[in-house]
Amino acid sequence: MNRPVEVLLHHLPAVARSTRKWDADFARSVLRQSRRRSWKPTPKQLGVMQRMVGELFNEDDIDVIED
């Protein structure tokens, strides 16, 4: 699921409280950068943000096949 940047930024504080150090550091860094008026995430940042917020809601890119 692709969320708008505003929604991702809304959920990043929860990621910033993560026990995974790299994820928490990345989220805090993006939140600081996002305060700048002209800031836009790079495609790579956007992808990581999408993944992190998706993991927050336990979303997987797995296709489920039911019989």
PDB file of N, CA and C in Angstrom:
ATOM      1  N   MET A   1       0.847  -1.178   0.000  1.00  0.00           N
ATOM      2  CA  MET A   1       0.000   0.000   0.000  1.00  0.00           C
ATOM      3  C   MET A   1       0.893   1.242   0.000  1.00  0.00           C
ATOM      4  N   ASN A   2       0.650   2.137  -0.911  1.00  0.00           N
ATOM      5  CA  ASN A   2       1.402   3.384  -0.971  1.00  0.00           C
ATOM      6  C   ASN A   2       0.619   4.490  -0.288  1.00  0.00           C
ATOM      7  N   ARG A   3       1.209   5.013   0.769  1.00  0.00           N
ATOM      8  CA  ARG A   3       0.577   6.088   1.526  1.00  0.00           C
ATOM      9  C   ARG A   3       1.189   7.423   1.137  1.00  0.00           C
ATOM     10  N   PRO A   4       0.423   8.500   1.247  1.00  0.00           N
ATOM     11  CA  PRO A   4       0.983   9.833   1.008  1.00  0.00           C
ATOM     12  C   PRO A   4       2.043  10.161   2.064  1.00  0.00           C
ATOM     13  N   VAL A   5       2.956  11.047   1.713  1.00  0.00           N
ATOM     14  CA  VAL A   5       4.049  11.433   2.607  1.00  0.00           C
ATOM     15  C   VAL A   5       3.511  11.954   3.938  1.00  0.00           C
ATOM     16  N   GLU A   6       2.424  12.712   3.915  1.00  0.00           N
ATOM     17  CA  GLU A   6       1.868  13.272   5.148  1.00  0.00           C
ATOM     18  C   GLU A   6       1.445  12.165   6.111  1.00  0.00           C
ATOM     19  N   VAL A   7       0.882  11.100   5.576  1.00  0.00           N
ATOM     20  CA  VAL A   7       0.453   9.979   6.424  1.00  0.00           C
ATOM     21  C   VAL A   7       1.673   9.251   6.979  1.00  0.00           C
ATOM     22  N   LEU A   8       2.689   9.074   6.141  1.00  0.00           N
ATOM     23  CA  LEU A   8       3.913   8.423   6.604  1.00  0.00           C
ATOM     24  C   LEU A   8       4.546   9.222   7.742  1.00  0.00           C
ATOM     25  N   LEU A   9       4.602  10.542   7.581  1.00  0.00           N
ATOM     26  CA  LEU A   9       5.188  11.392   8.617  1.00  0.00           C
ATOM     27  C   LEU A   9       4.368  11.336   9.907  1.00  0.00           C
ATOM     28  N   HIS A  10       3.071  11.164   9.768  1.00  0.00           N
ATOM     29  CA  HIS A  10       2.202  11.059  10.949  1.00  0.00           C
ATOM     30  C   HIS A  10       2.550   9.817  11.769  1.00  0.00           C
ATOM     31  N   HIS A  11       2.897   8.716  11.085  1.00  0.00           N
ATOM     32  CA  HIS A  11       3.165   7.452  11.770  1.00  0.00           C
ATOM     33  C   HIS A  11       4.637   7.255  12.137  1.00  0.00           C
ATOM     34  N   LEU A  12       5.536   8.071  11.605  1.00  0.00           N
ATOM     35  CA  LEU A  12       6.956   7.890  11.897  1.00  0.00           C
ATOM     36  C   LEU A  12       7.338   8.063  13.370  1.00  0.00           C
ATOM     37  N   PRO A  13       6.656   8.893  14.160  1.00  0.00           N
ATOM     38  CA  PRO A  13       7.027   8.936  15.583  1.00  0.00           C
ATOM     39  C   PRO A  13       6.910   7.577  16.271  1.00  0.00           C
ATOM     40  N   ALA A  14       5.963   6.756  15.856  1.00  0.00           N
ATOM     41  CA  ALA A  14       5.847   5.405  16.423  1.00  0.00           C
ATOM     42  C   ALA A  14       7.046   4.561  16.023  1.00  0.00           C
ATOM     43  N   VAL A  15       7.508   4.721  14.789  1.00  0.00           N
ATOM     44  CA  VAL A  15       8.694   3.993  14.331  1.00  0.00           C
ATOM     45  C   VAL A  15       9.923   4.502  15.081  1.00  0.00           C
ATOM     46  N   ALA A  16       9.958   5.796  15.372  1.00  0.00           N
ATOM     47  CA  ALA A  16      11.099   6.385  16.079  1.00  0.00           C
ATOM     48  C   ALA A  16      11.242   5.822  17.490  1.00  0.00           C
ATOM     49  N   ARG A  17      10.195   5.245  18.027  1.00  0.00           N
ATOM     50  CA  ARG A  17      10.256   4.618  19.349  1.00  0.00           C
ATOM     51  C   ARG A  17      10.568   3.123  19.267  1.00  0.00           C
ATOM     52  N   SER A  18      10.925   2.663  18.077  1.00  0.00           N
ATOM     53  CA  SER A  18      11.219   1.257  17.842  1.00  0.00           C
ATOM     54  C   SER A  18      12.436   0.802  18.636  1.00  0.00           C
ATOM     55  N   THR A  19      12.488  -0.480  18.924  1.00  0.00           N
ATOM     56  CA  THR A  19      13.658  -1.045  19.592  1.00  0.00           C
ATOM     57  C   THR A  19      14.775  -1.334  18.589  1.00  0.00           C
ATOM     58  N   ARG A  20      14.441  -1.292  17.299  1.00  0.00           N
ATOM     59  CA  ARG A  20      15.471  -1.489  16.270  1.00  0.00           C
ATOM     60  C   ARG A  20      16.165  -0.148  16.045  1.00  0.00           C
ATOM     61  N   LYS A  21      17.421  -0.091  16.411  1.00  0.00           N
ATOM     62  CA  LYS A  21      18.166   1.163  16.431  1.00  0.00           C
ATOM     63  C   LYS A  21      18.194   1.856  15.072  1.00  0.00           C
ATOM     64  N   TRP A  22      18.494   1.123  13.997  1.00  0.00           N
ATOM     65  CA  TRP A  22      18.602   1.761  12.687  1.00  0.00           C
ATOM     66  C   TRP A  22      17.269   2.370  12.281  1.00  0.00           C
ATOM     67  N   ASP A  23      16.187   1.632  12.474  1.00  0.00           N
ATOM     68  CA  ASP A  23      14.857   2.141  12.122  1.00  0.00           C
ATOM     69  C   ASP A  23      14.524   3.397  12.917  1.00  0.00           C
ATOM     70  N   ALA A  24      14.784   3.360  14.211  1.00  0.00           N
ATOM     71  CA  ALA A  24      14.482   4.512  15.069  1.00  0.00           C
ATOM     72  C   ALA A  24      15.320   5.723  14.666  1.00  0.00           C
ATOM     73  N   ASP A  25      16.611   5.510  14.406  1.00  0.00           N
ATOM     74  CA  ASP A  25      17.485   6.615  13.996  1.00  0.00           C
ATOM     75  C   ASP A  25      17.044   7.204  12.661  1.00  0.00           C
ATOM     76  N   PHE A  26      16.687   6.340  11.721  1.00  0.00           N
ATOM     77  CA  PHE A  26      16.228   6.805  10.407  1.00  0.00           C
ATOM     78  C   PHE A  26      14.951   7.631  10.555  1.00  0.00           C
ATOM     79  N   ALA A  27      14.007   7.132  11.323  1.00  0.00           N
ATOM     80  CA  ALA A  27      12.736   7.837  11.501  1.00  0.00           C
ATOM     81  C   ALA A  27      12.955   9.202  12.148  1.00  0.00           C
ATOM     82  N   ARG A  28      13.803   9.261  13.171  1.00  0.00           N
ATOM     83  CA  ARG A  28      14.085  10.550  13.813  1.00  0.00           C
ATOM     84  C   ARG A  28      14.757  11.511  12.836  1.00  0.00           C
ATOM     85  N   SER A  29      15.661  10.998  12.011  1.00  0.00           N
ATOM     86  CA  SER A  29      16.348  11.832  11.027  1.00  0.00           C
ATOM     87  C   SER A  29      15.362  12.401  10.006  1.00  0.00           C
ATOM     88  N   VAL A  30      14.478  11.568   9.509  1.00  0.00           N
ATOM     89  CA  VAL A  30      13.485  12.024   8.520  1.00  0.00           C
ATOM     90  C   VAL A  30      12.543  13.038   9.159  1.00  0.00           C
ATOM     91  N   LEU A  31      12.141  12.800  10.397  1.00  0.00           N
ATOM     92  CA  LEU A  31      11.249  13.747  11.066  1.00  0.00           C
ATOM     93  C   LEU A  31      11.916  15.109  11.229  1.00  0.00           C
ATOM     94  N   ARG A  32      13.213  15.109  11.538  1.00  0.00           N
ATOM     95  CA  ARG A  32      13.933  16.392  11.637  1.00  0.00           C
ATOM     96  C   ARG A  32      13.999  17.078  10.275  1.00  0.00           C
ATOM     97  N   GLN A  33      14.340  16.322   9.235  1.00  0.00           N
ATOM     98  CA  GLN A  33      14.450  16.889   7.885  1.00  0.00           C
ATOM     99  C   GLN A  33      13.108  17.429   7.392  1.00  0.00           C
ATOM    100  N   SER A  34      12.035  16.773   7.766  1.00  0.00           N
ATOM    101  CA  SER A  34      10.717  17.140   7.249  1.00  0.00           C
ATOM    102  C   SER A  34      10.244  18.502   7.755  1.00  0.00           C
ATOM    103  N   ARG A  35      10.898  19.033   8.768  1.00  0.00           N
ATOM    104  CA  ARG A  35      10.518  20.357   9.279  1.00  0.00           C
ATOM    105  C   ARG A  35      10.936  21.477   8.338  1.00  0.00           C
ATOM    106  N   ARG A  36      11.894  21.174   7.457  1.00  0.00           N
ATOM    107  CA  ARG A  36      12.319  22.189   6.488  1.00  0.00           C
ATOM    108  C   ARG A  36      11.219  22.387   5.452  1.00  0.00           C
ATOM    109  N   ARG A  37      10.970  23.605   5.108  1.00  0.00           N
ATOM    110  CA  ARG A  37       9.866  23.956   4.224  1.00  0.00           C
ATOM    111  C   ARG A  37       9.977  23.285   2.845  1.00  0.00           C
ATOM    112  N   SER A  38      11.181  23.224   2.296  1.00  0.00           N
ATOM    113  CA  SER A  38      11.347  22.715   0.929  1.00  0.00           C
ATOM    114  C   SER A  38      11.695  21.226   0.869  1.00  0.00           C
ATOM    115  N   TRP A  39      11.610  20.520   1.996  1.00  0.00           N
ATOM    116  CA  TRP A  39      12.020  19.118   2.034  1.00  0.00           C
ATOM    117  C   TRP A  39      11.039  18.225   1.292  1.00  0.00           C
ATOM    118  N   LYS A  40      11.595  17.319   0.515  1.00  0.00           N
ATOM    119  CA  LYS A  40      10.849  16.231  -0.112  1.00  0.00           C
ATOM    120  C   LYS A  40      11.685  14.977   0.057  1.00  0.00           C
ATOM    121  N   PRO A  41      11.071  13.845   0.379  1.00  0.00           N
ATOM    122  CA  PRO A  41      11.867  12.628   0.538  1.00  0.00           C
ATOM    123  C   PRO A  41      12.417  12.167  -0.811  1.00  0.00           C
ATOM    124  N   THR A  42      13.616  11.594  -0.773  1.00  0.00           N
ATOM    125  CA  THR A  42      14.172  10.994  -1.977  1.00  0.00           C
ATOM    126  C   THR A  42      13.384   9.722  -2.255  1.00  0.00           C
ATOM    127  N   PRO A  43      13.459   9.191  -3.464  1.00  0.00           N
ATOM    128  CA  PRO A  43      12.757   7.923  -3.737  1.00  0.00           C
ATOM    129  C   PRO A  43      13.186   6.805  -2.773  1.00  0.00           C
ATOM    130  N   LYS A  44      14.465   6.778  -2.421  1.00  0.00           N
ATOM    131  CA  LYS A  44      14.943   5.747  -1.499  1.00  0.00           C
ATOM    132  C   LYS A  44      14.357   5.952  -0.098  1.00  0.00           C
ATOM    133  N   GLN A  45      14.346   7.200   0.382  1.00  0.00           N
ATOM    134  CA  GLN A  45      13.748   7.493   1.687  1.00  0.00           C
ATOM    135  C   GLN A  45      12.272   7.126   1.690  1.00  0.00           C
ATOM    136  N   LEU A  46      11.588   7.467   0.620  1.00  0.00           N
ATOM    137  CA  LEU A  46      10.156   7.184   0.524  1.00  0.00           C
ATOM    138  C   LEU A  46       9.896   5.687   0.599  1.00  0.00           C
ATOM    139  N   GLY A  47      10.708   4.908  -0.095  1.00  0.00           N
ATOM    140  CA  GLY A  47      10.557   3.450  -0.052  1.00  0.00           C
ATOM    141  C   GLY A  47      10.768   2.888   1.339  1.00  0.00           C
ATOM    142  N   VAL A  48      11.780   3.385   2.033  1.00  0.00           N
ATOM    143  CA  VAL A  48      12.056   2.915   3.393  1.00  0.00           C
ATOM    144  C   VAL A  48      10.920   3.333   4.324  1.00  0.00           C
ATOM    145  N   MET A  49      10.435   4.552   4.168  1.00  0.00           N
ATOM    146  CA  MET A  49       9.319   5.023   5.000  1.00  0.00           C
ATOM    147  C   MET A  49       8.078   4.162   4.768  1.00  0.00           C
ATOM    148  N   GLN A  50       7.774   3.852   3.501  1.00  0.00           N
ATOM    149  CA  GLN A  50       6.623   3.002   3.182  1.00  0.00           C
ATOM    150  C   GLN A  50       6.769   1.633   3.860  1.00  0.00           C
ATOM    151  N   ARG A  51       7.984   1.059   3.771  1.00  0.00           N
ATOM    152  CA  ARG A  51       8.220  -0.253   4.371  1.00  0.00           C
ATOM    153  C   ARG A  51       8.038  -0.207   5.881  1.00  0.00           C
ATOM    154  N   MET A  52       8.615   0.808   6.517  1.00  0.00           N
ATOM    155  CA  MET A  52       8.536   0.903   7.976  1.00  0.00           C
ATOM    156  C   MET A  52       7.113   1.066   8.474  1.00  0.00           C
ATOM    157  N   VAL A  53       6.363   1.928   7.835  1.00  0.00           N
ATOM    158  CA  VAL A  53       4.973   2.136   8.257  1.00  0.00           C
ATOM    159  C   VAL A  53       4.150   0.888   7.957  1.00  0.00           C
ATOM    160  N   GLY A  54       4.426   0.235   6.832  1.00  0.00           N
ATOM    161  CA  GLY A  54       3.746  -1.024   6.532  1.00  0.00           C
ATOM    162  C   GLY A  54       4.015  -2.079   7.591  1.00  0.00           C
ATOM    163  N   GLU A  55       5.283  -2.165   8.039  1.00  0.00           N
ATOM    164  CA  GLU A  55       5.623  -3.116   9.103  1.00  0.00           C
ATOM    165  C   GLU A  55       4.935  -2.751  10.414  1.00  0.00           C
ATOM    166  N   LEU A  56       4.737  -1.470  10.623  1.00  0.00           N
ATOM    167  CA  LEU A  56       4.053  -1.012  11.828  1.00  0.00           C
ATOM    168  C   LEU A  56       2.644  -1.593  11.890  1.00  0.00           C
ATOM    169  N   PHE A  57       2.012  -1.721  10.730  1.00  0.00           N
ATOM    170  CA  PHE A  57       0.652  -2.262  10.650  1.00  0.00           C
ATOM    171  C   PHE A  57       0.637  -3.717  10.218  1.00  0.00           C
ATOM    172  N   ASN A  58       1.802  -4.369  10.266  1.00  0.00           N
ATOM    173  CA  ASN A  58       1.939  -5.786   9.909  1.00  0.00           C
ATOM    174  C   ASN A  58       1.427  -6.082   8.515  1.00  0.00           C
ATOM    175  N   GLU A  59       1.724  -5.208   7.581  1.00  0.00           N
ATOM    176  CA  GLU A  59       1.343  -5.446   6.192  1.00  0.00           C
ATOM    177  C   GLU A  59       2.488  -6.142   5.494  1.00  0.00           C
ATOM    178  N   ASP A  60       2.169  -7.160   4.732  1.00  0.00           N
ATOM    179  CA  ASP A  60       3.166  -7.879   3.969  1.00  0.00           C
ATOM    180  C   ASP A  60       2.822  -7.802   2.500  1.00  0.00           C
ATOM    181  N   ASP A  61       3.842  -7.934   1.660  1.00  0.00           N
ATOM    182  CA  ASP A  61       3.613  -7.967   0.222  1.00  0.00           C
ATOM    183  C   ASP A  61       3.433  -9.403  -0.251  1.00  0.00           C
ATOM    184  N   ILE A  62       2.807 -10.217   0.563  1.00  0.00           N
ATOM    185  CA  ILE A  62       2.626 -11.627   0.251  1.00  0.00           C
ATOM    186  C   ILE A  62       1.228 -11.824  -0.330  1.00  0.00           C
ATOM    187  N   ASP A  63       1.166 -12.541  -1.431  1.00  0.00           N
ATOM    188  CA  ASP A  63      -0.126 -12.873  -2.025  1.00  0.00           C
ATOM    189  C   ASP A  63      -0.655 -14.139  -1.352  1.00  0.00           C
ATOM    190  N   VAL A  64      -1.888 -14.068  -0.906  1.00  0.00           N
ATOM    191  CA  VAL A  64      -2.504 -15.218  -0.250  1.00  0.00           C
ATOM    192  C   VAL A  64      -3.415 -15.892  -1.254  1.00  0.00           C
ATOM    193  N   ILE A  65      -3.201 -17.186  -1.415  1.00  0.00           N
ATOM    194  CA  ILE A  65      -4.027 -17.975  -2.335  1.00  0.00           C
ATOM    195  C   ILE A  65      -4.889 -18.900  -1.506  1.00  0.00           C
ATOM    196  N   GLU A  66      -6.184 -18.744  -1.650  1.00  0.00           N
ATOM    197  CA  GLU A  66      -7.105 -19.590  -0.903  1.00  0.00           C
ATOM    198  C   GLU A  66      -7.824 -20.514  -1.877  1.00  0.00           C
ATOM    199  N   ASP A  67      -7.992 -21.743  -1.446  1.00  0.00           N
ATOM    200  CA  ASP A  67      -8.715 -22.718  -2.277  1.00  0.00           C
ATOM    201  C   ASP A  67     -10.171 -22.699  -1.960  1.00  0.00           C
TER     202      ASP A  67
END
